[in-house]
Amino acid sequence: MNNKNKQNIGIVAVMILLAAATRLMPHPPNMTAIGAMGLFGAAYLNKKYLAFLVPFIALWITDLAINNILYAQFYDHFVLMGSVWTYIGFGAIVLFGMGWFKKINWKTVVGGSLSASAIFFFISNFGVWASGTMYPMNFAGLGACFSAGLPFLLNTVVGDLFFCGVLFGVYEYFFHNKFTTHPAVDILDA
């Protein structure tokens, strides 16, 4: 691996960690950088294992802080990991991003962001229903679960669009000509 690739990995990793840290700041429910972190890692980390590993570590670290510091009063034990359905949804977003970003421009970033919101909505709400604790285990219960999740979908969409705009925009603006190894990247390309 040459220095240019090492530097690129470092920059992307730091940006993902900074995005993850925003989860620790006050924010409306579901208006976070989760989808953007997964898409950004998938788009800019050339090695597939890094595209999963870096965003997952960032998510896990912030989950540790959220569950054991911010929400510690709700638990009587140390919480090692958040909801498995959050991690499944996050992994699906990374996997989607790996196939989605053949070229990076504003259209693919917006389309990827909206898709990430939909993926996370469907998987996380299915997980709430599948837990069997809040809704009947039938089609009506699944529908009720998705209906109850709709108010959170708007925040997810806004958060994903905002954080995708920030991550992809900042990276392209500051680092495209200096550090990137992506030959087909042009954020302004229509």
Protein backbone atom coordinates (compact mmCIF):
# COMPACT_ATOMS: atom_id res chain seq x y z
CA MET A 1 0.00 0.00 0.00
CA ASN A 2 1.47 3.34 -0.97
CA ASN A 3 1.43 6.48 1.18
CA LYS A 4 -1.40 8.01 -0.84
CA ASN A 5 -3.69 5.05 -0.04
CA LYS A 6 -2.67 5.02 3.64
CA GLN A 7 -3.39 8.74 3.90
CA ASN A 8 -6.76 8.28 2.17
CA ILE A 9 -7.75 5.50 4.59
CA GLY A 10 -6.72 7.63 7.55
CA ILE A 11 -8.72 10.65 6.38
CA VAL A 12 -11.83 8.59 5.66
CA ALA A 13 -11.54 6.78 9.02
CA VAL A 14 -11.19 10.06 10.94
CA MET A 15 -14.17 11.54 9.10
CA ILE A 16 -16.28 8.48 9.92
CA LEU A 17 -15.24 8.65 13.59
CA LEU A 18 -16.13 12.36 13.72
CA ALA A 19 -19.50 11.64 12.12
CA ALA A 20 -20.09 8.86 14.65
CA ALA A 21 -19.25 11.25 17.49
CA THR A 22 -22.20 13.43 16.47
CA ARG A 23 -24.43 10.63 17.80
CA LEU A 24 -23.31 11.71 21.28
CA MET A 25 -24.57 15.27 20.78
CA PRO A 26 -28.19 16.24 21.40
CA HIS A 27 -30.28 15.54 18.28
CA PRO A 28 -33.85 14.74 17.29
CA PRO A 29 -34.67 11.01 17.35
CA ASN A 30 -33.08 9.13 14.42
CA MET A 31 -31.47 12.26 12.95
CA THR A 32 -27.96 10.79 13.04
CA ALA A 33 -25.03 10.00 10.77
CA ILE A 34 -25.52 6.22 10.78
CA GLY A 35 -26.55 5.87 7.13
CA ALA A 36 -24.00 8.42 5.97
CA MET A 37 -21.16 6.64 7.80
CA GLY A 38 -21.98 3.35 6.12
CA LEU A 39 -22.29 4.86 2.65
CA PHE A 40 -19.17 7.00 3.02
CA GLY A 41 -17.06 4.04 4.13
CA ALA A 42 -18.41 1.91 1.29
CA ALA A 43 -17.67 4.63 -1.25
CA TYR A 44 -14.14 5.57 -0.21
CA LEU A 45 -12.56 2.60 1.50
CA ASN A 46 -11.24 0.45 -1.34
CA LYS A 47 -10.79 -2.72 0.67
CA LYS A 48 -14.13 -4.37 1.45
CA TYR A 49 -13.12 -5.45 4.94
CA LEU A 50 -12.22 -1.83 5.79
CA ALA A 51 -15.50 -0.57 4.34
CA PHE A 52 -17.24 -2.72 6.96
CA LEU A 53 -14.71 -2.58 9.78
CA VAL A 54 -14.14 1.17 10.09
CA PRO A 55 -17.83 2.23 10.15
CA PHE A 56 -18.78 -0.72 12.38
CA ILE A 57 -16.08 0.14 14.91
CA ALA A 58 -17.24 3.77 14.92
CA LEU A 59 -20.85 2.66 15.44
CA TRP A 60 -19.87 0.23 18.18
CA ILE A 61 -17.74 2.79 20.07
CA THR A 62 -20.56 5.32 20.08
CA ASP A 63 -23.05 2.61 21.10
CA LEU A 64 -20.83 1.83 24.09
CA ALA A 65 -20.87 5.47 25.12
CA ILE A 66 -24.59 5.95 24.45
CA ASN A 67 -25.71 2.81 26.29
CA ASN A 68 -23.25 2.91 29.21
CA ILE A 69 -22.96 6.64 29.83
CA LEU A 70 -25.89 8.56 28.33
CA TYR A 71 -28.52 5.86 28.99
CA ALA A 72 -26.81 4.12 31.92
CA GLN A 73 -29.80 4.74 34.22
CA PHE A 74 -31.91 2.43 32.02
CA TYR A 75 -29.59 -0.57 32.43
CA ASP A 76 -28.47 -2.53 35.47
CA HIS A 77 -25.43 -3.93 33.64
CA PHE A 78 -22.74 -3.02 31.12
CA VAL A 79 -24.14 -3.04 27.57
CA LEU A 80 -21.62 -4.35 25.08
CA MET A 81 -23.63 -3.79 21.92
CA GLY A 82 -26.74 -1.98 20.74
CA SER A 83 -29.62 -3.63 18.91
CA VAL A 84 -28.58 -6.42 16.57
CA TRP A 85 -31.16 -5.07 14.10
CA THR A 86 -29.35 -1.72 14.02
CA TYR A 87 -26.16 -3.55 13.10
CA ILE A 88 -27.92 -5.65 10.47
CA GLY A 89 -29.43 -2.51 8.95
CA PHE A 90 -26.07 -0.78 9.06
CA GLY A 91 -24.37 -3.72 7.38
CA ALA A 92 -27.04 -3.73 4.67
CA ILE A 93 -26.34 -0.04 4.05
CA VAL A 94 -22.59 -0.68 3.69
CA LEU A 95 -23.26 -3.60 1.36
CA PHE A 96 -25.67 -1.50 -0.69
CA GLY A 97 -23.13 1.34 -0.90
CA MET A 98 -20.44 -1.02 -2.20
CA GLY A 99 -22.61 -1.81 -5.19
CA TRP A 100 -24.16 1.62 -5.58
CA PHE A 101 -21.13 3.90 -5.89
CA LYS A 102 -19.60 3.16 -9.28
CA LYS A 103 -19.32 6.92 -9.73
CA ILE A 104 -19.70 9.54 -7.04
CA ASN A 105 -21.73 12.62 -7.90
CA TRP A 106 -24.59 14.51 -6.31
CA LYS A 107 -27.19 12.19 -7.87
CA THR A 108 -25.61 9.00 -6.53
CA VAL A 109 -25.06 10.58 -3.11
CA VAL A 110 -28.69 11.72 -2.84
CA GLY A 111 -29.99 8.41 -4.22
CA GLY A 112 -27.73 6.46 -1.90
CA SER A 113 -28.80 8.55 1.07
CA LEU A 114 -32.51 8.04 0.40
CA SER A 115 -31.93 4.33 -0.16
CA ALA A 116 -29.96 4.06 3.10
CA SER A 117 -32.87 5.68 4.96
CA ALA A 118 -35.33 3.19 3.45
CA ILE A 119 -33.06 0.22 4.18
CA PHE A 120 -32.61 1.26 7.80
CA PHE A 121 -36.32 1.98 8.26
CA PHE A 122 -37.44 -1.41 6.97
CA ILE A 123 -34.81 -3.48 8.76
CA SER A 124 -34.95 -1.70 12.12
CA ASN A 125 -38.75 -1.66 12.24
CA PHE A 126 -38.92 -5.29 11.17
CA GLY A 127 -36.55 -5.98 14.07
CA VAL A 128 -38.83 -4.20 16.53
CA TRP A 129 -41.77 -6.29 15.29
CA ALA A 130 -39.72 -9.54 15.25
CA SER A 131 -38.73 -9.02 18.89
CA GLY A 132 -42.34 -9.91 19.70
CA THR A 133 -42.54 -7.56 22.67
CA MET A 134 -44.47 -4.58 21.27
CA TYR A 135 -46.67 -5.77 18.41
CA PRO A 136 -48.69 -8.90 17.62
CA MET A 137 -46.75 -11.44 15.59
CA ASN A 138 -48.98 -11.20 12.53
CA PHE A 139 -49.27 -9.09 9.39
CA ALA A 140 -51.42 -6.49 11.17
CA GLY A 141 -48.79 -6.19 13.90
CA LEU A 142 -46.06 -5.72 11.29
CA GLY A 143 -48.14 -3.02 9.60
CA ALA A 144 -48.75 -1.30 12.94
CA CYS A 145 -45.03 -1.39 13.67
CA PHE A 146 -44.16 0.21 10.33
CA SER A 147 -46.90 2.82 10.81
CA ALA A 148 -45.57 3.69 14.26
CA GLY A 149 -42.09 4.11 12.78
CA LEU A 150 -43.16 6.58 10.08
CA PRO A 151 -42.66 9.71 12.23
CA PHE A 152 -39.02 8.67 12.71
CA LEU A 153 -38.49 8.10 8.97
CA LEU A 154 -38.48 11.82 8.17
CA ASN A 155 -35.73 12.43 10.72
CA THR A 156 -33.75 9.51 9.30
CA VAL A 157 -34.05 10.94 5.77
CA VAL A 158 -33.04 14.43 6.92
CA GLY A 159 -30.12 13.08 8.96
CA ASP A 160 -28.86 10.87 6.14
CA LEU A 161 -29.13 13.64 3.54
CA PHE A 162 -27.42 16.17 5.82
CA PHE A 163 -24.57 13.93 6.94
CA CYS A 164 -24.03 12.46 3.46
CA GLY A 165 -23.85 16.01 2.15
CA VAL A 166 -21.30 16.95 4.80
CA LEU A 167 -19.13 13.83 4.54
CA PHE A 168 -19.08 13.50 0.76
CA GLY A 169 -19.01 17.27 0.21
CA VAL A 170 -16.15 17.96 2.64
CA TYR A 171 -14.12 15.04 1.35
CA GLU A 172 -14.53 16.06 -2.27
CA TYR A 173 -13.97 19.74 -1.63
CA PHE A 174 -10.84 19.38 0.47
CA PHE A 175 -9.29 16.08 -0.56
CA HIS A 176 -10.36 15.08 -4.05
CA ASN A 177 -7.46 16.60 -5.92
CA LYS A 178 -4.88 15.91 -3.22
CA PHE A 179 -5.50 12.49 -1.71
CA THR A 180 -8.17 10.42 -3.39
CA THR A 181 -7.44 7.29 -5.35
CA HIS A 182 -10.89 7.27 -6.95
CA PRO A 183 -10.38 7.97 -10.67
CA ALA A 184 -14.08 8.37 -11.45
CA VAL A 185 -15.05 10.74 -8.65
CA ASP A 186 -16.62 14.04 -9.58
CA ILE A 187 -19.16 15.33 -7.09
CA LEU A 188 -20.25 18.11 -9.44
CA ASP A 189 -20.72 15.79 -12.43
CA ALA A 190 -24.34 15.74 -13.46
